[in-house]
Amino acid sequence: MTTVKGPAFYFPSIEKKYGQPVAHWQELIRSSPLTRHMELVTWLKSEYGLGHGHANALVAYTLAEDRGGQ
């Protein structure tokens, strides 16, 4: 059994708490005109009510994936 570490650790609780799959949040992040990490985190928190840790995990994972890091 593999232990999930890093931002993806939060994905099950994000999906359960906010009722949307991670892909939904990634699409929002990718379609946003914002590009900086903390701008995106603040935007998710203010526009969609995500908690800081959840927003941070989604942004970190999505940006790293887009850079080919995941």
N, C-alpha and C. Protein backbone atom coordinates (compact mmCIF):
# COMPACT_ATOMS: atom_id res chain seq x y z
N MET A 1 0.84 -1.19 0.00
CA MET A 1 0.00 0.00 0.00
C MET A 1 0.89 1.25 0.00
N THR A 2 0.58 2.17 -0.88
CA THR A 2 1.36 3.39 -1.00
C THR A 2 0.71 4.49 -0.18
N THR A 3 1.49 5.18 0.60
CA THR A 3 0.99 6.31 1.36
C THR A 3 1.07 7.55 0.49
N VAL A 4 -0.06 8.24 0.36
CA VAL A 4 -0.09 9.47 -0.43
C VAL A 4 0.49 10.60 0.41
N LYS A 5 1.43 11.32 -0.17
CA LYS A 5 2.07 12.43 0.52
C LYS A 5 1.92 13.69 -0.29
N GLY A 6 2.27 14.81 0.31
CA GLY A 6 2.21 16.08 -0.40
C GLY A 6 0.78 16.55 -0.58
N PRO A 7 0.57 17.45 -1.53
CA PRO A 7 -0.75 18.05 -1.73
C PRO A 7 -1.86 17.03 -1.98
N ALA A 8 -1.56 15.94 -2.69
CA ALA A 8 -2.59 14.96 -3.02
C ALA A 8 -3.18 14.29 -1.78
N PHE A 9 -2.48 14.35 -0.66
CA PHE A 9 -2.99 13.81 0.60
C PHE A 9 -4.36 14.42 0.94
N TYR A 10 -4.56 15.68 0.58
CA TYR A 10 -5.78 16.40 0.93
C TYR A 10 -6.95 16.13 -0.01
N PHE A 11 -6.69 15.49 -1.16
CA PHE A 11 -7.73 15.38 -2.19
C PHE A 11 -9.00 14.68 -1.73
N PRO A 12 -8.94 13.55 -1.02
CA PRO A 12 -10.20 12.92 -0.59
C PRO A 12 -11.05 13.83 0.30
N SER A 13 -10.41 14.54 1.21
CA SER A 13 -11.18 15.42 2.09
C SER A 13 -11.70 16.65 1.35
N ILE A 14 -10.96 17.12 0.34
CA ILE A 14 -11.44 18.25 -0.47
C ILE A 14 -12.69 17.83 -1.23
N GLU A 15 -12.64 16.66 -1.86
CA GLU A 15 -13.80 16.18 -2.61
C GLU A 15 -15.00 15.96 -1.71
N LYS A 16 -14.77 15.42 -0.53
CA LYS A 16 -15.87 15.16 0.40
C LYS A 16 -16.46 16.47 0.92
N LYS A 17 -15.61 17.40 1.31
CA LYS A 17 -16.09 18.63 1.93
C LYS A 17 -16.79 19.57 0.95
N TYR A 18 -16.26 19.67 -0.28
CA TYR A 18 -16.78 20.66 -1.22
C TYR A 18 -17.64 20.05 -2.32
N GLY A 19 -17.74 18.72 -2.37
CA GLY A 19 -18.64 18.05 -3.29
C GLY A 19 -18.28 18.12 -4.76
N GLN A 20 -17.03 18.43 -5.05
CA GLN A 20 -16.57 18.49 -6.43
C GLN A 20 -15.28 17.68 -6.55
N PRO A 21 -15.09 17.02 -7.70
CA PRO A 21 -13.83 16.29 -7.88
C PRO A 21 -12.64 17.25 -8.02
N VAL A 22 -11.47 16.75 -7.74
CA VAL A 22 -10.26 17.56 -7.84
C VAL A 22 -10.12 18.15 -9.24
N ALA A 23 -10.53 17.39 -10.26
CA ALA A 23 -10.44 17.88 -11.64
C ALA A 23 -11.23 19.18 -11.84
N HIS A 24 -12.34 19.33 -11.12
CA HIS A 24 -13.13 20.56 -11.19
C HIS A 24 -12.31 21.75 -10.71
N TRP A 25 -11.66 21.59 -9.58
CA TRP A 25 -10.86 22.67 -9.01
C TRP A 25 -9.65 22.97 -9.89
N GLN A 26 -9.05 21.93 -10.46
CA GLN A 26 -7.90 22.14 -11.33
C GLN A 26 -8.32 22.91 -12.59
N GLU A 27 -9.48 22.63 -13.12
CA GLU A 27 -9.96 23.35 -14.29
C GLU A 27 -10.18 24.83 -13.96
N LEU A 28 -10.74 25.09 -12.78
CA LEU A 28 -10.92 26.49 -12.35
C LEU A 28 -9.59 27.20 -12.24
N ILE A 29 -8.62 26.54 -11.62
CA ILE A 29 -7.29 27.13 -11.45
C ILE A 29 -6.67 27.41 -12.81
N ARG A 30 -6.75 26.45 -13.70
CA ARG A 30 -6.14 26.61 -15.03
C ARG A 30 -6.85 27.66 -15.88
N SER A 31 -8.14 27.86 -15.66
CA SER A 31 -8.88 28.84 -16.47
C SER A 31 -8.82 30.25 -15.87
N SER A 32 -8.31 30.36 -14.66
CA SER A 32 -8.20 31.68 -14.02
C SER A 32 -7.14 32.53 -14.71
N PRO A 33 -7.39 33.83 -14.80
CA PRO A 33 -6.35 34.72 -15.33
C PRO A 33 -5.18 34.89 -14.37
N LEU A 34 -5.36 34.48 -13.12
CA LEU A 34 -4.30 34.57 -12.12
C LEU A 34 -3.27 33.48 -12.38
N THR A 35 -2.02 33.77 -12.07
CA THR A 35 -0.96 32.80 -12.31
C THR A 35 -0.08 32.56 -11.09
N ARG A 36 -0.09 33.48 -10.15
CA ARG A 36 0.79 33.35 -8.98
C ARG A 36 0.12 32.50 -7.90
N HIS A 37 0.94 31.71 -7.24
CA HIS A 37 0.44 30.75 -6.25
C HIS A 37 -0.49 31.39 -5.23
N MET A 38 -0.01 32.39 -4.53
CA MET A 38 -0.83 32.96 -3.44
C MET A 38 -2.04 33.71 -3.96
N GLU A 39 -1.96 34.28 -5.16
CA GLU A 39 -3.14 34.92 -5.76
C GLU A 39 -4.23 33.88 -5.99
N LEU A 40 -3.83 32.72 -6.49
CA LEU A 40 -4.80 31.65 -6.74
C LEU A 40 -5.38 31.11 -5.44
N VAL A 41 -4.55 30.95 -4.43
CA VAL A 41 -5.02 30.47 -3.12
C VAL A 41 -6.05 31.45 -2.55
N THR A 42 -5.72 32.73 -2.56
CA THR A 42 -6.64 33.75 -2.04
C THR A 42 -7.94 33.77 -2.82
N TRP A 43 -7.85 33.62 -4.14
CA TRP A 43 -9.03 33.60 -5.00
C TRP A 43 -9.94 32.42 -4.67
N LEU A 44 -9.37 31.22 -4.53
CA LEU A 44 -10.18 30.05 -4.19
C LEU A 44 -10.85 30.22 -2.83
N LYS A 45 -10.15 30.81 -1.90
CA LYS A 45 -10.70 31.02 -0.57
C LYS A 45 -11.85 32.02 -0.61
N SER A 46 -11.66 33.14 -1.30
CA SER A 46 -12.67 34.19 -1.29
C SER A 46 -13.86 33.88 -2.21
N GLU A 47 -13.60 33.28 -3.36
CA GLU A 47 -14.67 33.02 -4.32
C GLU A 47 -15.44 31.73 -4.06
N TYR A 48 -14.76 30.74 -3.52
CA TYR A 48 -15.37 29.42 -3.39
C TYR A 48 -15.41 28.89 -1.95
N GLY A 49 -14.87 29.66 -1.01
CA GLY A 49 -14.96 29.27 0.39
C GLY A 49 -14.06 28.13 0.81
N LEU A 50 -13.03 27.84 0.03
CA LEU A 50 -12.11 26.78 0.41
C LEU A 50 -11.25 27.24 1.59
N GLY A 51 -10.89 26.29 2.43
CA GLY A 51 -9.96 26.59 3.51
C GLY A 51 -8.56 26.80 2.94
N HIS A 52 -7.71 27.44 3.72
CA HIS A 52 -6.37 27.76 3.24
C HIS A 52 -5.58 26.52 2.83
N GLY A 53 -5.58 25.51 3.69
CA GLY A 53 -4.81 24.30 3.40
C GLY A 53 -5.29 23.59 2.14
N HIS A 54 -6.60 23.52 1.97
CA HIS A 54 -7.16 22.87 0.78
C HIS A 54 -6.84 23.67 -0.48
N ALA A 55 -7.02 24.96 -0.42
CA ALA A 55 -6.71 25.81 -1.58
C ALA A 55 -5.23 25.73 -1.92
N ASN A 56 -4.39 25.78 -0.92
CA ASN A 56 -2.94 25.71 -1.12
C ASN A 56 -2.55 24.38 -1.77
N ALA A 57 -3.12 23.29 -1.29
CA ALA A 57 -2.80 21.97 -1.84
C ALA A 57 -3.21 21.87 -3.31
N LEU A 58 -4.41 22.35 -3.64
CA LEU A 58 -4.88 22.30 -5.01
C LEU A 58 -4.01 23.12 -5.95
N VAL A 59 -3.66 24.33 -5.50
CA VAL A 59 -2.83 25.20 -6.34
C VAL A 59 -1.43 24.62 -6.49
N ALA A 60 -0.83 24.16 -5.41
CA ALA A 60 0.52 23.61 -5.48
C ALA A 60 0.56 22.41 -6.42
N TYR A 61 -0.39 21.51 -6.30
CA TYR A 61 -0.42 20.31 -7.12
C TYR A 61 -0.64 20.67 -8.59
N THR A 62 -1.60 21.55 -8.86
CA THR A 62 -1.93 21.92 -10.23
C THR A 62 -0.78 22.62 -10.91
N LEU A 63 -0.16 23.57 -10.23
CA LEU A 63 0.96 24.29 -10.83
C LEU A 63 2.15 23.37 -11.07
N ALA A 64 2.42 22.47 -10.13
CA ALA A 64 3.52 21.52 -10.30
C ALA A 64 3.22 20.56 -11.46
N GLU A 65 1.99 20.12 -11.56
CA GLU A 65 1.60 19.22 -12.65
C GLU A 65 1.77 19.91 -14.00
N ASP A 66 1.37 21.17 -14.07
CA ASP A 66 1.49 21.93 -15.32
C ASP A 66 2.94 22.17 -15.71
N ARG A 67 3.83 22.16 -14.73
CA ARG A 67 5.27 22.31 -15.00
C ARG A 67 5.92 20.96 -15.26
N GLY A 68 5.12 19.90 -15.19
CA GLY A 68 5.66 18.55 -15.43
C GLY A 68 6.28 17.93 -14.20
N GLY A 69 5.91 18.44 -13.02
CA GLY A 69 6.54 17.96 -11.78
C GLY A 69 5.81 16.88 -11.04
N GLN A 70 4.59 16.54 -11.44
CA GLN A 70 3.83 15.51 -10.70
C GLN A 70 3.87 14.20 -11.42
